[in-house]
Amino acid sequence: RRRGRLAFAPQPAGASAAAARHLADAARAWKDGDFPHAAALGVLLFDAGKPGEAKPWLLRSRPREPEFSEARLRLATLELEAGDRPAARGAVEEATAAPPQARDRVLADRRLAQLLR
């Protein structure tokens, strides 16, 4: 659990990969399988340029996680890039329904904004 805290420590720009490593280590050490920071890990992996590793964690994210909306927006981007508009639309709808509201972020991204229509 200590490695998990390291991932949330202030990081210099470009340190997503290191933070993702720390959080991935914590996820592997988690005993009950319901890792409570799946959204954060998915976001960090996505931001570190590892979308293939990020997707399973983004899918496992839950609304109770603070990074849920961000995780769902990144998942929507991956689904849209894969050509799965229904899955992308579902992820956008989940992101905009969860607190904090992500609707403004979606509207600012032309690719994702079209999914709200």
C-alpha atoms as a PDB file:
ATOM      1  CA  ARG A   1       0.000   0.000   0.000  1.00  0.00           C
ATOM      2  CA  ARG A   2       2.959   2.268   0.493  1.00  0.00           C
ATOM      3  CA  ARG A   3       3.855   2.173  -3.225  1.00  0.00           C
ATOM      4  CA  GLY A   4       0.331   3.329  -4.003  1.00  0.00           C
ATOM      5  CA  ARG A   5       0.942   6.481  -1.985  1.00  0.00           C
ATOM      6  CA  LEU A   6       4.096   7.174  -3.978  1.00  0.00           C
ATOM      7  CA  ALA A   7       2.055   7.283  -7.166  1.00  0.00           C
ATOM      8  CA  PHE A   8      -0.046  10.118  -5.749  1.00  0.00           C
ATOM      9  CA  ALA A   9       2.933  12.172  -4.567  1.00  0.00           C
ATOM     10  CA  PRO A  10       3.587  15.403  -6.478  1.00  0.00           C
ATOM     11  CA  GLN A  11       5.319  14.504  -9.745  1.00  0.00           C
ATOM     12  CA  PRO A  12       7.351  16.630 -12.144  1.00  0.00           C
ATOM     13  CA  ALA A  13       6.019  16.951 -15.677  1.00  0.00           C
ATOM     14  CA  GLY A  14       6.513  13.756 -17.669  1.00  0.00           C
ATOM     15  CA  ALA A  15       6.618  11.517 -14.622  1.00  0.00           C
ATOM     16  CA  SER A  16       3.431   9.598 -15.505  1.00  0.00           C
ATOM     17  CA  ALA A  17       5.415   6.476 -16.369  1.00  0.00           C
ATOM     18  CA  ALA A  18       7.140   6.372 -12.973  1.00  0.00           C
ATOM     19  CA  ALA A  19       3.889   7.057 -11.129  1.00  0.00           C
ATOM     20  CA  ALA A  20       2.173   4.350 -13.177  1.00  0.00           C
ATOM     21  CA  ARG A  21       4.932   1.880 -12.257  1.00  0.00           C
ATOM     22  CA  HIS A  22       4.462   2.601  -8.544  1.00  0.00           C
ATOM     23  CA  LEU A  23       0.708   2.248  -8.778  1.00  0.00           C
ATOM     24  CA  ALA A  24       0.962  -0.925 -10.896  1.00  0.00           C
ATOM     25  CA  ASP A  25       3.232  -2.408  -8.217  1.00  0.00           C
ATOM     26  CA  ALA A  26       0.601  -1.558  -5.615  1.00  0.00           C
ATOM     27  CA  ALA A  27      -2.129  -3.127  -7.782  1.00  0.00           C
ATOM     28  CA  ARG A  28      -0.139  -6.365  -8.100  1.00  0.00           C
ATOM     29  CA  ALA A  29       0.315  -6.475  -4.322  1.00  0.00           C
ATOM     30  CA  TRP A  30      -3.396  -5.877  -3.670  1.00  0.00           C
ATOM     31  CA  LYS A  31      -4.935  -8.981  -2.166  1.00  0.00           C
ATOM     32  CA  ASP A  32      -8.664  -8.853  -2.811  1.00  0.00           C
ATOM     33  CA  GLY A  33      -8.585  -8.085  -6.537  1.00  0.00           C
ATOM     34  CA  ASP A  34     -10.748  -4.960  -6.229  1.00  0.00           C
ATOM     35  CA  PHE A  35      -7.936  -2.426  -6.529  1.00  0.00           C
ATOM     36  CA  PRO A  36      -9.436   0.922  -5.422  1.00  0.00           C
ATOM     37  CA  HIS A  37      -7.295   3.050  -7.753  1.00  0.00           C
ATOM     38  CA  ALA A  38      -7.993   1.417 -11.125  1.00  0.00           C
ATOM     39  CA  ALA A  39      -9.051   4.753 -12.615  1.00  0.00           C
ATOM     40  CA  ALA A  40      -5.859   6.495 -11.501  1.00  0.00           C
ATOM     41  CA  LEU A  41      -3.702   3.669 -12.824  1.00  0.00           C
ATOM     42  CA  GLY A  42      -5.506   3.676 -16.170  1.00  0.00           C
ATOM     43  CA  VAL A  43      -5.156   7.450 -16.502  1.00  0.00           C
ATOM     44  CA  LEU A  44      -1.452   7.336 -15.642  1.00  0.00           C
ATOM     45  CA  LEU A  45      -0.771   4.520 -18.114  1.00  0.00           C
ATOM     46  CA  PHE A  46      -2.742   6.298 -20.847  1.00  0.00           C
ATOM     47  CA  ASP A  47      -0.872   9.556 -20.189  1.00  0.00           C
ATOM     48  CA  ALA A  48       2.433   7.649 -20.240  1.00  0.00           C
ATOM     49  CA  GLY A  49       1.658   6.514 -23.800  1.00  0.00           C
ATOM     50  CA  LYS A  50       0.638   2.953 -22.896  1.00  0.00           C
ATOM     51  CA  PRO A  51      -2.977   2.733 -24.079  1.00  0.00           C
ATOM     52  CA  GLY A  52      -2.957  -1.057 -24.358  1.00  0.00           C
ATOM     53  CA  GLU A  53      -1.968  -1.410 -20.712  1.00  0.00           C
ATOM     54  CA  ALA A  54      -4.327   1.391 -19.700  1.00  0.00           C
ATOM     55  CA  LYS A  55      -7.531   0.020 -21.209  1.00  0.00           C
ATOM     56  CA  PRO A  56      -8.157  -2.857 -18.760  1.00  0.00           C
ATOM     57  CA  TRP A  57      -7.710  -0.471 -15.824  1.00  0.00           C
ATOM     58  CA  LEU A  58      -9.903   2.186 -17.424  1.00  0.00           C
ATOM     59  CA  LEU A  59     -12.606  -0.453 -17.874  1.00  0.00           C
ATOM     60  CA  ARG A  60     -12.291  -1.479 -14.198  1.00  0.00           C
ATOM     61  CA  SER A  61     -12.676   2.082 -12.908  1.00  0.00           C
ATOM     62  CA  ARG A  62     -15.664   2.706 -10.649  1.00  0.00           C
ATOM     63  CA  PRO A  63     -17.735   5.857 -10.015  1.00  0.00           C
ATOM     64  CA  ARG A  64     -16.526   6.029  -6.397  1.00  0.00           C
ATOM     65  CA  GLU A  65     -12.984   6.797  -7.605  1.00  0.00           C
ATOM     66  CA  PRO A  66     -11.993  10.489  -7.842  1.00  0.00           C
ATOM     67  CA  GLU A  67     -10.458   9.918 -11.300  1.00  0.00           C
ATOM     68  CA  PHE A  68     -13.495   8.070 -12.696  1.00  0.00           C
ATOM     69  CA  SER A  69     -14.579  10.817 -15.106  1.00  0.00           C
ATOM     70  CA  GLU A  70     -11.048  11.252 -16.439  1.00  0.00           C
ATOM     71  CA  ALA A  71     -10.706   7.482 -16.823  1.00  0.00           C
ATOM     72  CA  ARG A  72     -13.957   7.248 -18.770  1.00  0.00           C
ATOM     73  CA  LEU A  73     -12.940  10.131 -21.060  1.00  0.00           C
ATOM     74  CA  ARG A  74      -9.680   8.378 -21.891  1.00  0.00           C
ATOM     75  CA  LEU A  75     -11.576   5.131 -22.429  1.00  0.00           C
ATOM     76  CA  ALA A  76     -13.925   6.981 -24.805  1.00  0.00           C
ATOM     77  CA  THR A  77     -10.902   8.191 -26.761  1.00  0.00           C
ATOM     78  CA  LEU A  78      -9.534   4.638 -27.036  1.00  0.00           C
ATOM     79  CA  GLU A  79     -12.902   3.247 -28.091  1.00  0.00           C
ATOM     80  CA  LEU A  80     -13.358   6.000 -30.668  1.00  0.00           C
ATOM     81  CA  GLU A  81      -9.895   5.342 -32.092  1.00  0.00           C
ATOM     82  CA  ALA A  82     -10.789   1.635 -32.300  1.00  0.00           C
ATOM     83  CA  GLY A  83     -13.944   2.524 -34.235  1.00  0.00           C
ATOM     84  CA  ASP A  84     -16.378   1.458 -31.519  1.00  0.00           C
ATOM     85  CA  ARG A  85     -18.679   4.491 -31.369  1.00  0.00           C
ATOM     86  CA  PRO A  86     -21.321   2.844 -29.145  1.00  0.00           C
ATOM     87  CA  ALA A  87     -18.693   1.962 -26.511  1.00  0.00           C
ATOM     88  CA  ALA A  88     -17.175   5.448 -26.810  1.00  0.00           C
ATOM     89  CA  ARG A  89     -20.603   7.046 -26.406  1.00  0.00           C
ATOM     90  CA  GLY A  90     -21.284   4.904 -23.322  1.00  0.00           C
ATOM     91  CA  ALA A  91     -17.988   5.951 -21.745  1.00  0.00           C
ATOM     92  CA  VAL A  92     -18.737   9.636 -22.426  1.00  0.00           C
ATOM     93  CA  GLU A  93     -22.183   9.287 -20.894  1.00  0.00           C
ATOM     94  CA  GLU A  94     -20.691   7.669 -17.787  1.00  0.00           C
ATOM     95  CA  ALA A  95     -18.046  10.396 -17.531  1.00  0.00           C
ATOM     96  CA  THR A  96     -20.551  13.226 -17.794  1.00  0.00           C
ATOM     97  CA  ALA A  97     -22.942  11.621 -15.294  1.00  0.00           C
ATOM     98  CA  ALA A  98     -20.308  11.117 -12.600  1.00  0.00           C
ATOM     99  CA  PRO A  99     -19.094  13.807 -10.232  1.00  0.00           C
ATOM    100  CA  PRO A 100     -17.150  15.894 -10.968  1.00  0.00           C
ATOM    101  CA  GLN A 101     -19.085  16.673 -14.095  1.00  0.00           C
ATOM    102  CA  ALA A 102     -16.906  16.258 -17.176  1.00  0.00           C
ATOM    103  CA  ARG A 103     -19.362  17.683 -19.704  1.00  0.00           C
ATOM    104  CA  ASP A 104     -17.285  20.833 -20.275  1.00  0.00           C
ATOM    105  CA  ARG A 105     -14.213  18.687 -21.001  1.00  0.00           C
ATOM    106  CA  VAL A 106     -16.203  16.613 -23.485  1.00  0.00           C
ATOM    107  CA  LEU A 107     -17.568  19.690 -25.238  1.00  0.00           C
ATOM    108  CA  ALA A 108     -14.035  21.068 -25.550  1.00  0.00           C
ATOM    109  CA  ASP A 109     -12.904  17.963 -27.483  1.00  0.00           C
ATOM    110  CA  ARG A 110     -14.534  17.905 -30.933  1.00  0.00           C
ATOM    111  CA  ARG A 111     -14.077  14.154 -31.301  1.00  0.00           C
ATOM    112  CA  LEU A 112     -15.807  13.394 -28.017  1.00  0.00           C
ATOM    113  CA  ALA A 113     -18.400  16.186 -28.264  1.00  0.00           C
ATOM    114  CA  GLN A 114     -19.971  14.518 -31.313  1.00  0.00           C
ATOM    115  CA  LEU A 115     -20.796  11.531 -29.109  1.00  0.00           C
ATOM    116  CA  LEU A 116     -23.176  13.604 -26.996  1.00  0.00           C
ATOM    117  CA  ARG A 117     -25.468  14.254 -29.949  1.00  0.00           C
END
